[in-house]
Amino acid sequence: MSLTTPDLALVLALHARSGVGPRSLSRWLLWAAAQGVPLAKFAGRPRDELLAALPAELDALVVALSEFGEEEYERAARVVERVQLAGAQFYAVTDADYPPLLSATLGAAAPPLIAVAGDAELLAREAGGVVGTRTPSEAGGTLARLCSEWLVNRRRVVVSGGAQGVDMVAHSAALEAGGATVVVLPQGLLSYRASGALATALDEGRAALVSQFAPDAAWSVGAAVARNETIAALSRLVCVIEPVSTGGSAKTGQDAMNQGKPALVYAGVDARGTGRALMQAGARALLGPAGCLSEEYLDEVWAAATGAVERQGELL
């Protein structure tokens, strides 16, 4: 069952509080759902009552709840309304239609609340990630396009982060091939404006925007780093093209491997050795044994992929 507007506003406001991390929020959401009690019931309650009522080790959340006031709620409620008026939806980790790969793969680290614009059902479909440098070479751009087309030809969704360079090549190639794509945002849903073919695809139900951050949050380095794990979690495998040490695509590849999924790397010139370091950590070469992109080779890697690591037991 979806959260009510008061509960959504409360979760958004708490998410913005310093010290209240996603694990604490997820644990509280799951506990409250199991107890069958509305979250708003705890807002503004005395600290000693909250300590007695809530699970242990939620001290920062207890403090935030005890200090929660009407002005804070109204501010968050206005943000909820803006998101809904924009045609987007919220999904809490307790919802039956929360993306299953996020909860199954990330367990207690799954975002407690996400906002989605476009076709949310794309988040439940088989998908592969295509990420890489903002300044790809001609060969890197071609490989990004071919990886996206391979996924689309197998009726899979292309997942990436919406950045310039490889990410946008991947999104665009998926749409041009008649497929669908998911953009995992490094900012809030309300602070992002889709344009061109992506905006059209959102209207047509062939794209989705996903954000795990406050809806009005601006782009930040921290958010860009955090969302890489979400890109990997929504993908069965990740293709990493010309990663550089200062970019996030190498982390996405490492996140995929941490989740028990294949990372396929094309290093390119790779003067700083980032791609080679990924392969030393367990990634595989994107180019097949013959030194070129082989759909047969990609199919073999996909078939051998175990998919998400089951860590759901960590949530409670």
Protein backbone atom coordinates (compact mmCIF):
# COMPACT_ATOMS: atom_id res chain seq x y z
CA MET A 1 0.00 0.00 0.00
CA SER A 2 1.36 3.41 -0.97
CA LEU A 3 2.18 5.98 1.68
CA THR A 4 -0.37 8.69 2.38
CA THR A 5 0.53 12.31 1.63
CA PRO A 6 1.23 13.07 5.34
CA ASP A 7 3.54 10.05 5.54
CA LEU A 8 5.30 10.99 2.28
CA ALA A 9 5.84 14.53 3.52
CA LEU A 10 7.24 13.24 6.79
CA VAL A 11 9.68 10.87 5.06
CA LEU A 12 10.85 13.60 2.67
CA ALA A 13 11.44 16.02 5.53
CA LEU A 14 13.34 13.43 7.57
CA HIS A 15 15.43 12.45 4.54
CA ALA A 16 16.67 16.04 4.38
CA ARG A 17 17.74 16.00 8.05
CA SER A 18 21.44 15.66 8.76
CA GLY A 19 22.26 12.34 10.42
CA VAL A 20 19.11 10.51 9.34
CA GLY A 21 20.47 8.05 6.80
CA PRO A 22 18.61 5.89 4.29
CA ARG A 23 19.18 2.71 6.31
CA SER A 24 17.48 4.22 9.35
CA LEU A 25 14.56 5.43 7.27
CA SER A 26 14.16 2.09 5.52
CA ARG A 27 14.26 0.21 8.81
CA TRP A 28 11.62 2.50 10.30
CA LEU A 29 9.39 2.26 7.21
CA LEU A 30 9.51 -1.53 7.23
CA TRP A 31 8.90 -1.71 10.97
CA ALA A 32 5.91 0.66 10.78
CA ALA A 33 4.44 -1.29 7.85
CA ALA A 34 4.78 -4.54 9.80
CA GLN A 35 3.07 -2.92 12.79
CA GLY A 36 0.34 -1.40 10.62
CA VAL A 37 0.79 2.10 12.04
CA PRO A 38 0.93 5.38 10.06
CA LEU A 39 4.29 7.12 10.10
CA ALA A 40 2.76 10.51 10.87
CA LYS A 41 1.69 9.16 14.25
CA PHE A 42 5.28 9.56 15.48
CA ALA A 43 5.87 13.15 14.35
CA GLY A 44 6.41 15.58 17.21
CA ARG A 45 6.15 12.97 19.95
CA PRO A 46 8.35 13.36 23.07
CA ARG A 47 11.77 11.79 22.75
CA ASP A 48 11.33 9.36 25.65
CA GLU A 49 8.07 8.04 24.16
CA LEU A 50 9.74 7.52 20.79
CA LEU A 51 12.70 5.72 22.34
CA ALA A 52 10.30 3.36 24.08
CA ALA A 53 8.14 2.78 21.00
CA LEU A 54 10.64 2.48 18.14
CA PRO A 55 13.28 -0.19 17.39
CA ALA A 56 16.73 0.31 18.88
CA GLU A 57 19.59 2.14 17.13
CA LEU A 58 17.41 4.82 15.57
CA ASP A 59 18.66 7.65 17.76
CA ALA A 60 19.11 10.24 15.01
CA LEU A 61 15.64 9.46 13.68
CA VAL A 62 14.15 9.77 17.18
CA VAL A 63 15.69 13.23 17.57
CA ALA A 64 14.40 14.34 14.17
CA LEU A 65 10.90 13.03 14.88
CA SER A 66 10.73 14.70 18.30
CA GLU A 67 11.70 18.06 16.76
CA PHE A 68 9.36 17.76 13.79
CA GLY A 69 6.98 20.69 13.47
CA GLU A 70 4.02 21.87 11.42
CA GLU A 71 6.07 24.29 9.31
CA GLU A 72 8.47 21.52 8.31
CA TYR A 73 5.56 19.28 7.38
CA GLU A 74 3.85 21.95 5.28
CA ARG A 75 7.05 22.68 3.38
CA ALA A 76 7.51 18.99 2.56
CA ALA A 77 3.83 18.57 1.67
CA ARG A 78 4.16 21.32 -0.94
CA VAL A 79 7.06 19.43 -2.53
CA VAL A 80 4.98 16.24 -2.61
CA GLU A 81 2.20 18.15 -4.34
CA ARG A 82 4.61 19.57 -6.93
CA VAL A 83 5.90 16.10 -7.77
CA GLN A 84 2.39 14.71 -8.14
CA LEU A 85 1.24 17.68 -10.25
CA ALA A 86 4.21 16.99 -12.53
CA GLY A 87 2.74 13.53 -13.16
CA ALA A 88 5.42 11.66 -11.21
CA GLN A 89 4.96 9.06 -8.47
CA PHE A 90 6.66 8.12 -5.22
CA TYR A 91 7.54 4.55 -4.30
CA ALA A 92 8.54 3.62 -0.76
CA VAL A 93 10.58 0.53 0.03
CA THR A 94 7.45 -0.88 1.68
CA ASP A 95 5.33 -0.62 -1.48
CA ALA A 96 4.49 -3.79 -3.39
CA ASP A 97 5.43 -2.04 -6.66
CA TYR A 98 8.78 -0.70 -5.42
CA PRO A 99 11.40 -1.82 -8.01
CA PRO A 100 12.16 -5.43 -6.99
CA LEU A 101 15.80 -5.32 -8.08
CA LEU A 102 16.55 -2.39 -5.80
CA SER A 103 15.31 -4.12 -2.66
CA ALA A 104 16.66 -7.54 -3.66
CA THR A 105 20.10 -6.25 -4.64
CA LEU A 106 20.72 -3.47 -2.13
CA GLY A 107 18.89 -4.84 0.90
CA ALA A 108 19.15 -2.37 3.79
CA ALA A 109 20.96 0.11 1.51
CA ALA A 110 18.01 0.39 -0.89
CA PRO A 111 16.72 3.97 -1.18
CA PRO A 112 13.80 4.28 1.25
CA LEU A 113 11.87 6.48 -1.18
CA ILE A 114 12.24 7.10 -4.90
CA ALA A 115 10.40 9.41 -7.27
CA VAL A 116 9.69 8.23 -10.81
CA ALA A 117 8.50 10.11 -13.88
CA GLY A 118 7.49 8.26 -17.02
CA ASP A 119 6.78 4.54 -17.16
CA ALA A 120 7.64 3.08 -13.74
CA GLU A 121 7.09 -0.44 -15.06
CA LEU A 122 10.40 -0.17 -16.93
CA LEU A 123 12.15 -0.49 -13.56
CA ALA A 124 10.87 -4.05 -13.22
CA ARG A 125 12.01 -5.22 -16.65
CA GLU A 126 15.26 -6.94 -17.56
CA ALA A 127 17.88 -4.25 -18.09
CA GLY A 128 21.55 -3.61 -18.68
CA GLY A 129 23.64 -0.59 -17.78
CA VAL A 130 25.76 1.37 -20.27
CA VAL A 131 27.96 4.03 -18.65
CA GLY A 132 31.25 5.76 -19.33
CA THR A 133 33.23 8.91 -19.87
CA ARG A 134 31.75 12.31 -20.67
CA THR A 135 34.26 12.66 -23.52
CA PRO A 136 34.27 9.38 -25.43
CA SER A 137 36.48 8.70 -28.40
CA GLU A 138 34.85 7.82 -31.71
CA ALA A 139 35.35 4.14 -30.89
CA GLY A 140 33.90 4.61 -27.39
CA GLY A 141 30.80 6.33 -28.73
CA THR A 142 30.29 3.58 -31.29
CA LEU A 143 30.58 0.89 -28.61
CA ALA A 144 28.06 2.68 -26.38
CA ARG A 145 25.60 2.74 -29.25
CA LEU A 146 26.18 -0.92 -30.14
CA CYS A 147 25.76 -2.05 -26.51
CA SER A 148 22.44 -0.20 -26.29
CA GLU A 149 21.25 -1.67 -29.58
CA TRP A 150 22.20 -5.17 -28.40
CA LEU A 151 20.10 -4.71 -25.26
CA VAL A 152 17.13 -3.30 -27.20
CA ASN A 153 17.28 -6.11 -29.75
CA ARG A 154 16.87 -8.54 -26.82
CA ARG A 155 13.87 -6.50 -25.54
CA ARG A 156 15.83 -5.20 -22.56
CA VAL A 157 15.87 -1.72 -21.06
CA VAL A 158 18.99 0.46 -21.21
CA VAL A 159 19.92 2.04 -17.86
CA SER A 160 22.34 4.94 -17.51
CA GLY A 161 22.90 8.17 -15.61
CA GLY A 162 21.94 10.92 -18.04
CA ALA A 163 25.38 12.56 -18.15
CA GLN A 164 26.89 13.97 -21.32
CA GLY A 165 29.02 11.60 -23.36
CA VAL A 166 28.55 7.83 -23.13
CA ASP A 167 25.42 8.04 -20.96
CA MET A 168 23.48 10.19 -23.43
CA VAL A 169 24.74 8.17 -26.39
CA ALA A 170 23.35 5.07 -24.67
CA HIS A 171 19.97 6.64 -23.91
CA SER A 172 19.63 8.09 -27.41
CA ALA A 173 20.68 4.87 -29.15
CA ALA A 174 18.11 2.88 -27.17
CA LEU A 175 15.32 5.22 -28.22
CA GLU A 176 16.47 5.41 -31.85
CA ALA A 177 16.44 1.60 -31.96
CA GLY A 178 12.82 1.59 -30.81
CA GLY A 179 13.59 0.52 -27.25
CA ALA A 180 13.22 1.99 -23.79
CA THR A 181 15.60 3.61 -21.33
CA VAL A 182 15.85 4.55 -17.65
CA VAL A 183 17.72 7.64 -16.48
CA VAL A 184 18.95 7.42 -12.87
CA LEU A 185 19.34 11.05 -11.84
CA PRO A 186 22.11 12.59 -9.71
CA GLN A 187 19.65 15.22 -8.47
CA GLY A 188 16.00 15.70 -7.60
CA LEU A 189 13.26 14.97 -10.08
CA LEU A 190 11.97 18.54 -10.05
CA SER A 191 15.37 20.06 -10.77
CA TYR A 192 15.85 18.03 -13.98
CA ARG A 193 14.34 18.96 -17.34
CA ALA A 194 14.22 16.34 -20.06
CA SER A 195 14.36 17.62 -23.61
CA GLY A 196 14.27 16.41 -27.20
CA ALA A 197 13.84 12.71 -27.84
CA LEU A 198 13.97 11.87 -24.13
CA ALA A 199 11.06 14.19 -23.33
CA THR A 200 9.06 12.63 -26.18
CA ALA A 201 9.90 9.13 -24.95
CA LEU A 202 8.69 10.00 -21.46
CA ASP A 203 5.32 11.01 -22.92
CA GLU A 204 5.21 7.83 -25.01
CA GLY A 205 5.99 5.50 -22.09
CA ARG A 206 9.41 4.49 -23.43
CA ALA A 207 11.49 6.18 -20.76
CA ALA A 208 11.58 6.75 -17.03
CA LEU A 209 13.40 9.19 -14.78
CA VAL A 210 14.36 7.91 -11.32
CA SER A 211 15.60 9.93 -8.36
CA GLN A 212 16.41 8.80 -4.82
CA PHE A 213 17.03 12.36 -3.64
CA ALA A 214 14.86 15.22 -2.42
CA PRO A 215 12.71 16.23 -5.40
CA ASP A 216 14.05 19.80 -5.45
CA ALA A 217 17.69 18.85 -4.80
CA ALA A 218 20.26 20.29 -7.20
CA TRP A 219 22.99 18.20 -8.83
CA SER A 220 25.83 17.37 -6.46
CA VAL A 221 28.97 15.25 -6.53
CA GLY A 222 27.69 13.21 -3.59
CA ALA A 223 24.42 12.46 -5.36
CA ALA A 224 26.25 11.52 -8.56
CA VAL A 225 28.37 9.04 -6.61
CA ALA A 226 25.42 7.60 -4.67
CA ARG A 227 23.24 7.00 -7.72
CA ASN A 228 25.92 4.83 -9.39
CA GLU A 229 25.01 1.98 -7.05
CA THR A 230 21.38 2.35 -8.13
CA ILE A 231 22.33 2.16 -11.82
CA ALA A 232 24.15 -1.11 -11.12
CA ALA A 233 21.30 -2.45 -8.98
CA LEU A 234 18.76 -1.94 -11.77
CA SER A 235 21.00 -3.74 -14.28
CA ARG A 236 21.83 -7.40 -14.82
CA LEU A 237 25.24 -6.40 -16.18
CA VAL A 238 27.04 -3.10 -16.75
CA CYS A 239 29.09 -2.03 -19.78
CA VAL A 240 31.71 0.55 -18.75
CA ILE A 241 33.24 2.51 -21.63
CA GLU A 242 36.48 4.48 -21.33
CA PRO A 243 36.22 5.12 -17.58
CA VAL A 244 38.45 7.80 -16.07
CA SER A 245 39.62 8.15 -12.50
CA THR A 246 37.63 11.36 -11.96
CA GLY A 247 34.35 9.94 -13.32
CA GLY A 248 31.62 7.83 -11.78
CA SER A 249 31.44 5.06 -14.37
CA ALA A 250 34.35 3.15 -12.81
CA LYS A 251 32.46 3.16 -9.51
CA THR A 252 29.34 1.88 -11.28
CA GLY A 253 31.39 -1.02 -12.62
CA GLN A 254 32.81 -1.73 -9.17
CA ASP A 255 29.33 -1.49 -7.65
CA ALA A 256 28.08 -4.06 -10.17
CA MET A 257 30.85 -6.47 -9.21
CA ASN A 258 30.15 -5.89 -5.52
CA GLN A 259 26.56 -6.90 -6.28
CA GLY A 260 27.70 -10.11 -7.96
CA LYS A 261 27.06 -8.86 -11.50
CA PRO A 262 29.38 -8.71 -14.53
CA ALA A 263 31.14 -5.47 -15.42
CA LEU A 264 32.38 -5.35 -19.02
CA VAL A 265 35.05 -2.72 -19.66
CA TYR A 266 36.43 -1.01 -22.74
CA ALA A 267 39.48 0.94 -21.55
CA GLY A 268 40.35 2.73 -24.77
CA VAL A 269 43.65 4.60 -24.58
CA ASP A 270 43.17 4.70 -20.78
CA ALA A 271 46.29 6.69 -19.95
CA ARG A 272 45.49 6.61 -16.23
CA GLY A 273 44.86 2.89 -16.06
CA THR A 274 41.31 3.11 -14.66
CA GLY A 275 39.89 0.47 -17.00
CA ARG A 276 42.82 -1.86 -16.42
CA ALA A 277 42.38 -1.46 -12.66
CA LEU A 278 38.73 -2.50 -13.01
CA MET A 279 39.72 -5.61 -14.92
CA GLN A 280 42.31 -6.45 -12.27
CA ALA A 281 39.46 -6.18 -9.74
CA GLY A 282 37.41 -8.77 -11.65
CA ALA A 283 35.80 -6.97 -14.60
CA ARG A 284 35.83 -8.56 -18.03
CA ALA A 285 36.84 -7.03 -21.36
CA LEU A 286 33.88 -5.61 -23.30
CA LEU A 287 35.44 -6.71 -26.56
CA GLY A 288 35.26 -10.44 -27.10
CA PRO A 289 38.12 -12.88 -27.62
CA ALA A 290 38.54 -11.70 -31.22
CA GLY A 291 39.06 -8.11 -30.10
CA CYS A 292 35.73 -6.80 -31.39
CA LEU A 293 32.24 -6.43 -29.96
CA SER A 294 30.50 -9.77 -30.36
CA GLU A 295 26.79 -10.19 -29.63
CA GLU A 296 27.39 -13.90 -29.14
CA TYR A 297 29.97 -13.11 -26.46
CA LEU A 298 27.61 -10.59 -24.78
CA ASP A 299 24.82 -13.17 -24.85
CA GLU A 300 27.08 -15.69 -23.10
CA VAL A 301 27.98 -13.19 -20.37
CA TRP A 302 24.31 -12.28 -19.91
CA ALA A 303 23.26 -15.92 -19.68
CA ALA A 304 25.94 -16.62 -17.07
CA ALA A 305 25.04 -13.58 -14.95
CA THR A 306 23.42 -14.57 -11.68
CA GLY A 307 21.59 -11.23 -11.41
CA ALA A 308 20.91 -9.52 -8.11
CA VAL A 309 22.55 -10.69 -4.93
CA GLU A 310 19.78 -11.60 -2.50
CA ARG A 311 20.27 -9.49 0.61
CA GLN A 312 16.68 -8.82 1.57
CA GLY A 313 17.26 -10.30 5.02
CA GLU A 314 19.37 -7.30 5.97
CA LEU A 315 16.38 -4.99 5.87
CA LEU A 316 14.89 -5.83 9.24
